Amino acid sequence: MEPQCRVYRSLSAAATRGLAARLAPLLPRPAVLALDGGMGAGKTVFVSGLAHGLGLPDRVASPTFALAFEHVDAAGEIILVHMDAWRLPDGDAFNAAGLDLYFDEPCALLAIEWARNIAGALPADTIAIRFAADGETRRIALCLPPPVAAALDARLSEEPVPELHVCT
C-alpha cells in the first residue's frame, strides 16, 4: 500500500509539537520515523511532540553525541527512541553501533533525525517526515500509511492545532 503524503505549514514550535502529539498515538508499533531537514528545521521539536502524545515528558534533547535516547513508560517499557544519525557516515556505521537492534523493540516508535545518512539501514516500511524552515515557519511533509493518514485527518478535524495549516 502506497503511503499518502500530507504537507503542513507550522507557524510556531507549539504547532509543530501539536501535530506530532496528535500523530503519535495513531502510529503502529513498532514504527520507524525518518526525520530529515536542515539544522533548526523542527526535527527535535517534533520529537518532543511525539513524546507528549505518548504521555511522556515532552522535554527532549537532540541525541547528537549520544546517538540515541530511550524514553520509557511507567512500566519501564521503551516506547520512544530518539536517534540522531548526523555523525554517522552510513548505514553500516549505524549497524556497527548496534542501533539497528532498536528495530526489534515491539512497542517503540523510533524517531531518527538525519535519517538520510543511514538510508540503507532503514526498514522498507519507514515513515518519511521532511522538514523545511523559512524563518519561523516550518513546512512538514508526512508520508503515512493510508489508515494513519486518514486517522490523522480526522483527528486534526476534531482537534485543530492553532497555527497549523494544511498546504494544498
Protein backbone atom coordinates (compact mmCIF):
# COMPACT_ATOMS: atom_id res chain seq x y z
CA MET A 1 0.00 0.00 0.00
CA GLU A 2 1.50 3.31 -1.11
CA PRO A 3 1.94 5.98 1.58
CA GLN A 4 -0.25 9.06 1.47
CA CYS A 5 1.59 12.33 1.84
CA ARG A 6 0.34 15.42 3.63
CA VAL A 7 2.12 18.76 3.82
CA TYR A 8 1.57 21.16 6.70
CA ARG A 9 2.71 24.71 7.37
CA SER A 10 3.54 25.28 11.01
CA LEU A 11 3.76 28.86 12.21
CA SER A 12 5.23 28.01 15.63
CA ALA A 13 7.07 25.40 17.66
CA ALA A 14 3.81 24.80 19.55
CA ALA A 15 2.06 23.95 16.26
CA THR A 16 4.86 21.55 15.28
CA ARG A 17 4.59 19.85 18.69
CA GLY A 18 0.80 19.76 18.38
CA LEU A 19 0.93 17.98 15.02
CA ALA A 20 3.34 15.36 16.38
CA ALA A 21 1.31 14.90 19.58
CA ARG A 22 -1.83 14.15 17.57
CA LEU A 23 0.07 11.78 15.28
CA ALA A 24 1.94 9.75 17.93
CA PRO A 25 -0.94 7.62 19.28
CA LEU A 26 -2.11 6.83 15.73
CA LEU A 27 1.15 5.25 14.61
CA PRO A 28 1.56 1.46 14.52
CA ARG A 29 4.12 -0.16 16.81
CA PRO A 30 6.88 -0.71 16.08
CA ALA A 31 7.39 2.16 13.65
CA VAL A 32 10.46 3.90 12.29
CA LEU A 33 10.19 7.60 11.50
CA ALA A 34 12.87 9.06 9.23
CA LEU A 35 13.12 12.76 10.12
CA ASP A 36 15.06 14.84 7.62
CA GLY A 37 15.63 18.55 7.25
CA GLY A 38 18.29 21.16 7.87
CA MET A 39 19.59 22.42 11.19
CA GLY A 40 16.83 24.12 13.14
CA ALA A 41 14.08 22.83 10.85
CA GLY A 42 11.99 21.42 13.72
CA LYS A 43 13.00 17.76 14.00
CA THR A 44 13.70 17.78 17.74
CA VAL A 45 10.61 19.92 18.41
CA PHE A 46 8.58 17.31 16.52
CA VAL A 47 10.04 14.52 18.69
CA SER A 48 9.06 16.45 21.82
CA GLY A 49 5.50 16.44 20.46
CA LEU A 50 5.68 12.69 19.86
CA ALA A 51 6.76 12.24 23.48
CA HIS A 52 3.87 14.38 24.70
CA GLY A 53 1.40 12.44 22.54
CA LEU A 54 2.65 9.20 24.09
CA GLY A 55 2.16 10.53 27.61
CA LEU A 56 5.87 11.08 28.24
CA PRO A 57 7.53 14.26 29.47
CA ASP A 58 7.92 16.36 26.34
CA ARG A 59 11.32 17.76 27.26
CA VAL A 60 13.64 16.04 24.84
CA ALA A 61 17.11 16.92 23.67
CA SER A 62 18.78 16.02 20.42
CA PRO A 63 20.97 12.94 20.92
CA THR A 64 23.66 14.20 18.53
CA PHE A 65 26.57 12.98 20.66
CA ALA A 66 24.82 10.12 22.46
CA LEU A 67 23.30 8.82 19.18
CA ALA A 68 20.15 7.54 20.95
CA PHE A 69 17.98 8.39 23.94
CA GLU A 70 15.41 5.91 25.24
CA HIS A 71 12.13 7.14 26.69
CA VAL A 72 10.24 4.63 28.83
CA ASP A 73 6.68 4.49 30.12
CA ALA A 74 5.64 3.97 33.76
CA ALA A 75 6.02 0.19 33.36
CA GLY A 76 9.60 0.59 32.17
CA GLU A 77 8.86 -0.34 28.54
CA ILE A 78 10.73 1.54 25.84
CA ILE A 79 8.07 3.39 23.85
CA LEU A 80 10.11 6.09 22.12
CA VAL A 81 13.70 6.00 20.93
CA HIS A 82 15.07 9.32 19.70
CA MET A 83 18.12 8.86 17.48
CA ASP A 84 20.40 11.25 15.66
CA ALA A 85 22.37 10.00 12.65
CA TRP A 86 24.11 13.35 12.00
CA ARG A 87 27.52 11.94 12.95
CA LEU A 88 27.08 8.60 11.18
CA PRO A 89 28.50 8.32 7.66
CA ASP A 90 26.23 5.48 6.50
CA GLY A 91 24.01 2.55 7.39
CA ASP A 92 27.00 0.31 8.11
CA ALA A 93 28.10 2.66 10.91
CA PHE A 94 24.54 2.67 12.27
CA ASN A 95 24.51 -1.14 12.34
CA ALA A 96 28.06 -1.34 13.76
CA ALA A 97 26.95 0.89 16.66
CA GLY A 98 24.20 -1.65 17.40
CA LEU A 99 21.44 0.88 16.78
CA ASP A 100 19.67 -1.48 14.38
CA LEU A 101 18.76 -3.61 17.41
CA TYR A 102 16.12 -1.00 18.27
CA PHE A 103 14.18 -2.12 15.19
CA ASP A 104 13.22 -5.18 17.29
CA GLU A 105 11.59 -3.13 20.10
CA PRO A 106 7.95 -4.27 19.74
CA CYS A 107 6.23 -1.26 21.33
CA ALA A 108 8.54 1.54 20.27
CA LEU A 109 8.46 4.46 17.93
CA LEU A 110 11.94 5.13 16.59
CA ALA A 111 12.38 8.75 15.57
CA ILE A 112 15.64 9.15 13.65
CA GLU A 113 16.94 12.62 12.89
CA TRP A 114 19.20 12.94 9.80
CA ALA A 115 17.90 9.55 8.66
CA ARG A 116 19.09 10.13 5.09
CA ASN A 117 22.64 9.47 6.35
CA ILE A 118 21.69 5.86 7.12
CA ALA A 119 19.04 5.27 4.45
CA GLY A 120 20.46 1.87 3.54
CA ALA A 121 19.88 0.56 7.05
CA LEU A 122 16.25 1.63 7.36
CA PRO A 123 13.36 -0.86 7.08
CA ALA A 124 11.26 -0.74 3.90
CA ASP A 125 8.19 0.48 5.81
CA THR A 126 9.94 3.52 7.32
CA ILE A 127 7.69 6.57 7.55
CA ALA A 128 9.29 9.62 5.92
CA ILE A 129 8.90 13.04 7.52
CA ARG A 130 10.59 16.01 5.86
CA PHE A 131 11.13 19.45 7.39
CA ALA A 132 11.97 22.76 5.74
CA ALA A 133 12.41 26.07 7.56
CA ASP A 134 11.62 29.54 6.29
CA GLY A 135 12.18 31.96 9.13
CA GLU A 136 9.76 30.97 11.90
CA THR A 137 7.58 28.96 9.52
CA ARG A 138 8.13 25.21 9.05
CA ARG A 139 6.94 23.06 6.16
CA ILE A 140 6.39 19.49 7.35
CA ALA A 141 5.71 16.71 4.84
CA LEU A 142 4.41 13.43 6.26
CA CYS A 143 4.18 10.29 4.12
CA LEU A 144 1.99 7.92 6.12
CA PRO A 145 0.32 4.55 5.70
CA PRO A 146 -3.22 5.28 4.37
CA PRO A 147 -5.06 4.27 7.59
CA VAL A 148 -2.79 6.54 9.65
CA ALA A 149 -3.20 9.42 7.19
CA ALA A 150 -6.99 9.11 7.36
CA ALA A 151 -6.94 8.89 11.17
CA LEU A 152 -4.69 11.97 11.39
CA ASP A 153 -7.01 13.92 9.06
CA ALA A 154 -9.96 13.03 11.31
CA ARG A 155 -8.07 13.86 14.50
CA LEU A 156 -6.93 17.24 13.21
CA SER A 157 -10.51 17.97 12.11
CA GLU A 158 -11.77 17.17 15.63
CA GLU A 159 -8.83 18.75 17.47
CA PRO A 160 -7.34 21.51 15.29
CA VAL A 161 -3.87 22.76 16.09
CA PRO A 162 -3.62 26.56 16.25
CA GLU A 163 -1.09 27.97 13.76
CA LEU A 164 -1.02 24.73 11.73
CA HIS A 165 -2.31 24.77 8.16
CA VAL A 166 -2.67 22.07 5.51
CA CYS A 167 -0.88 23.04 2.31
CA THR A 168 -2.77 22.43 -0.90
